[in-house]
Amino acid sequence: MPTWHSSYMGVSPLSTSVQVHIANGQHIKCSTGISSSVWSMQGYEFQSDMKIIPLQHYGLVVGMDWLESCSPMYVHWAFKWMQFQYNGVEITLQ
């Protein structure tokens, strides 16, 4: 599970609220975020802007904006891994 190092002190209002479409079909209004948040997964550190939404079962969900920023990306759905370049390093997450 990913971990992040930001604190609530970094939370600030978004300049424009956005509607986030979640997996169960609902739309959640998002009006706060954290700029340049540092988070880690499987020993790799990443930095990205985050939007804060209330989710019961997840600590962090990477969105299409983050996935797109790591393009091109290779995904093996059957073996559940993704591989991409990040800051000049080839990363495989599983």
C-alpha atoms as a PDB file:
ATOM      1  CA  MET A   1       0.000   0.000   0.000  1.00  0.00           C
ATOM      2  CA  PRO A   2       1.352   3.451  -0.801  1.00  0.00           C
ATOM      3  CA  THR A   3       2.435   5.792   1.944  1.00  0.00           C
ATOM      4  CA  TRP A   4       2.771   9.544   1.785  1.00  0.00           C
ATOM      5  CA  HIS A   5       4.733  12.081   3.783  1.00  0.00           C
ATOM      6  CA  SER A   6       2.486  15.130   3.568  1.00  0.00           C
ATOM      7  CA  SER A   7       0.681  16.470   6.591  1.00  0.00           C
ATOM      8  CA  TYR A   8      -2.624  18.255   6.884  1.00  0.00           C
ATOM      9  CA  MET A   9      -0.630  21.505   6.977  1.00  0.00           C
ATOM     10  CA  GLY A  10      -0.127  21.176   3.207  1.00  0.00           C
ATOM     11  CA  VAL A  11      -3.852  20.917   2.444  1.00  0.00           C
ATOM     12  CA  SER A  12      -5.176  23.905   0.550  1.00  0.00           C
ATOM     13  CA  PRO A  13      -8.315  24.767  -1.415  1.00  0.00           C
ATOM     14  CA  LEU A  14      -8.252  24.060  -5.150  1.00  0.00           C
ATOM     15  CA  SER A  15      -8.688  27.102  -7.375  1.00  0.00           C
ATOM     16  CA  THR A  16     -11.633  25.269  -8.968  1.00  0.00           C
ATOM     17  CA  SER A  17     -13.539  22.346  -7.449  1.00  0.00           C
ATOM     18  CA  VAL A  18     -13.720  19.194  -9.549  1.00  0.00           C
ATOM     19  CA  GLN A  19     -16.088  16.253  -9.725  1.00  0.00           C
ATOM     20  CA  VAL A  20     -14.326  12.911  -9.347  1.00  0.00           C
ATOM     21  CA  HIS A  21     -15.996   9.847 -10.863  1.00  0.00           C
ATOM     22  CA  ILE A  22     -15.336   6.824  -8.636  1.00  0.00           C
ATOM     23  CA  ALA A  23     -15.572   3.092  -9.377  1.00  0.00           C
ATOM     24  CA  ASN A  24     -19.067   2.602  -7.925  1.00  0.00           C
ATOM     25  CA  GLY A  25     -20.458   5.178 -10.377  1.00  0.00           C
ATOM     26  CA  GLN A  26     -20.795   8.023  -7.880  1.00  0.00           C
ATOM     27  CA  HIS A  27     -19.403  11.500  -8.341  1.00  0.00           C
ATOM     28  CA  ILE A  28     -17.635  13.135  -5.395  1.00  0.00           C
ATOM     29  CA  LYS A  29     -16.921  16.857  -5.188  1.00  0.00           C
ATOM     30  CA  CYS A  30     -13.279  17.601  -4.540  1.00  0.00           C
ATOM     31  CA  SER A  31     -12.317  21.068  -3.357  1.00  0.00           C
ATOM     32  CA  THR A  32      -8.987  20.521  -1.534  1.00  0.00           C
ATOM     33  CA  GLY A  33      -5.571  19.197  -2.458  1.00  0.00           C
ATOM     34  CA  ILE A  34      -1.901  18.965  -1.606  1.00  0.00           C
ATOM     35  CA  SER A  35       0.658  20.409  -4.011  1.00  0.00           C
ATOM     36  CA  SER A  36       3.900  18.523  -4.666  1.00  0.00           C
ATOM     37  CA  SER A  37       3.098  15.740  -2.217  1.00  0.00           C
ATOM     38  CA  VAL A  38       5.826  13.124  -1.774  1.00  0.00           C
ATOM     39  CA  TRP A  39       4.599   9.541  -1.527  1.00  0.00           C
ATOM     40  CA  SER A  40       6.184   6.121  -1.852  1.00  0.00           C
ATOM     41  CA  MET A  41       5.258   2.700  -3.123  1.00  0.00           C
ATOM     42  CA  GLN A  42       7.391  -0.450  -3.047  1.00  0.00           C
ATOM     43  CA  GLY A  43      10.466   1.549  -2.089  1.00  0.00           C
ATOM     44  CA  TYR A  44      10.145   4.182  -4.833  1.00  0.00           C
ATOM     45  CA  GLU A  45       9.398   7.829  -4.035  1.00  0.00           C
ATOM     46  CA  PHE A  46       7.125   9.906  -6.235  1.00  0.00           C
ATOM     47  CA  GLN A  47       6.051  13.526  -6.157  1.00  0.00           C
ATOM     48  CA  SER A  48       2.715  14.721  -7.487  1.00  0.00           C
ATOM     49  CA  ASP A  49      -0.192  17.029  -6.798  1.00  0.00           C
ATOM     50  CA  MET A  50      -2.992  15.258  -4.946  1.00  0.00           C
ATOM     51  CA  LYS A  51      -6.700  15.836  -4.735  1.00  0.00           C
ATOM     52  CA  ILE A  52      -8.356  14.865  -1.463  1.00  0.00           C
ATOM     53  CA  ILE A  53     -11.574  12.848  -1.535  1.00  0.00           C
ATOM     54  CA  PRO A  54     -13.173  10.751   1.229  1.00  0.00           C
ATOM     55  CA  LEU A  55     -12.647   7.047   0.486  1.00  0.00           C
ATOM     56  CA  GLN A  56     -13.360   4.306   3.014  1.00  0.00           C
ATOM     57  CA  HIS A  57     -11.102   1.508   1.802  1.00  0.00           C
ATOM     58  CA  TYR A  58      -8.127   3.150   0.111  1.00  0.00           C
ATOM     59  CA  GLY A  59      -5.276   5.327   1.317  1.00  0.00           C
ATOM     60  CA  LEU A  60      -4.338   6.540  -2.150  1.00  0.00           C
ATOM     61  CA  VAL A  61      -5.718   6.074  -5.642  1.00  0.00           C
ATOM     62  CA  VAL A  62      -3.545   7.045  -8.577  1.00  0.00           C
ATOM     63  CA  GLY A  63      -5.577   8.792 -11.240  1.00  0.00           C
ATOM     64  CA  MET A  64      -5.328   9.100 -14.973  1.00  0.00           C
ATOM     65  CA  ASP A  65      -3.335  12.322 -14.606  1.00  0.00           C
ATOM     66  CA  TRP A  66      -0.544  10.498 -12.730  1.00  0.00           C
ATOM     67  CA  LEU A  67      -0.660   7.461 -15.037  1.00  0.00           C
ATOM     68  CA  GLU A  68      -0.478   9.774 -18.056  1.00  0.00           C
ATOM     69  CA  SER A  69       2.539  11.589 -16.581  1.00  0.00           C
ATOM     70  CA  CYS A  70       4.391   8.237 -16.544  1.00  0.00           C
ATOM     71  CA  SER A  71       3.689   7.473 -20.220  1.00  0.00           C
ATOM     72  CA  PRO A  72       4.670   5.407 -21.987  1.00  0.00           C
ATOM     73  CA  MET A  73       3.783   2.665 -19.542  1.00  0.00           C
ATOM     74  CA  TYR A  74       3.782  -1.079 -20.025  1.00  0.00           C
ATOM     75  CA  VAL A  75       1.135  -3.031 -18.122  1.00  0.00           C
ATOM     76  CA  HIS A  76       0.783  -6.782 -17.808  1.00  0.00           C
ATOM     77  CA  TRP A  77      -2.753  -7.191 -16.541  1.00  0.00           C
ATOM     78  CA  ALA A  78      -2.539 -10.993 -16.005  1.00  0.00           C
ATOM     79  CA  PHE A  79       0.582 -10.700 -13.817  1.00  0.00           C
ATOM     80  CA  LYS A  80      -0.558  -7.367 -12.327  1.00  0.00           C
ATOM     81  CA  TRP A  81       2.552  -5.265 -12.923  1.00  0.00           C
ATOM     82  CA  MET A  82       3.306  -1.940 -14.560  1.00  0.00           C
ATOM     83  CA  GLN A  83       6.633  -0.681 -15.844  1.00  0.00           C
ATOM     84  CA  PHE A  84       7.625   2.889 -16.716  1.00  0.00           C
ATOM     85  CA  GLN A  85      10.425   5.466 -16.516  1.00  0.00           C
ATOM     86  CA  TYR A  86      10.343   7.980 -13.655  1.00  0.00           C
ATOM     87  CA  ASN A  87      13.101  10.575 -13.302  1.00  0.00           C
ATOM     88  CA  GLY A  88      15.342   8.476 -15.527  1.00  0.00           C
ATOM     89  CA  VAL A  89      14.845   5.247 -13.539  1.00  0.00           C
ATOM     90  CA  GLU A  90      13.009   2.197 -14.873  1.00  0.00           C
ATOM     91  CA  ILE A  91      10.392   1.227 -12.291  1.00  0.00           C
ATOM     92  CA  THR A  92       8.295  -1.916 -12.041  1.00  0.00           C
ATOM     93  CA  LEU A  93       5.364  -1.899  -9.600  1.00  0.00           C
ATOM     94  CA  GLN A  94       3.477  -5.076  -8.790  1.00  0.00           C
END
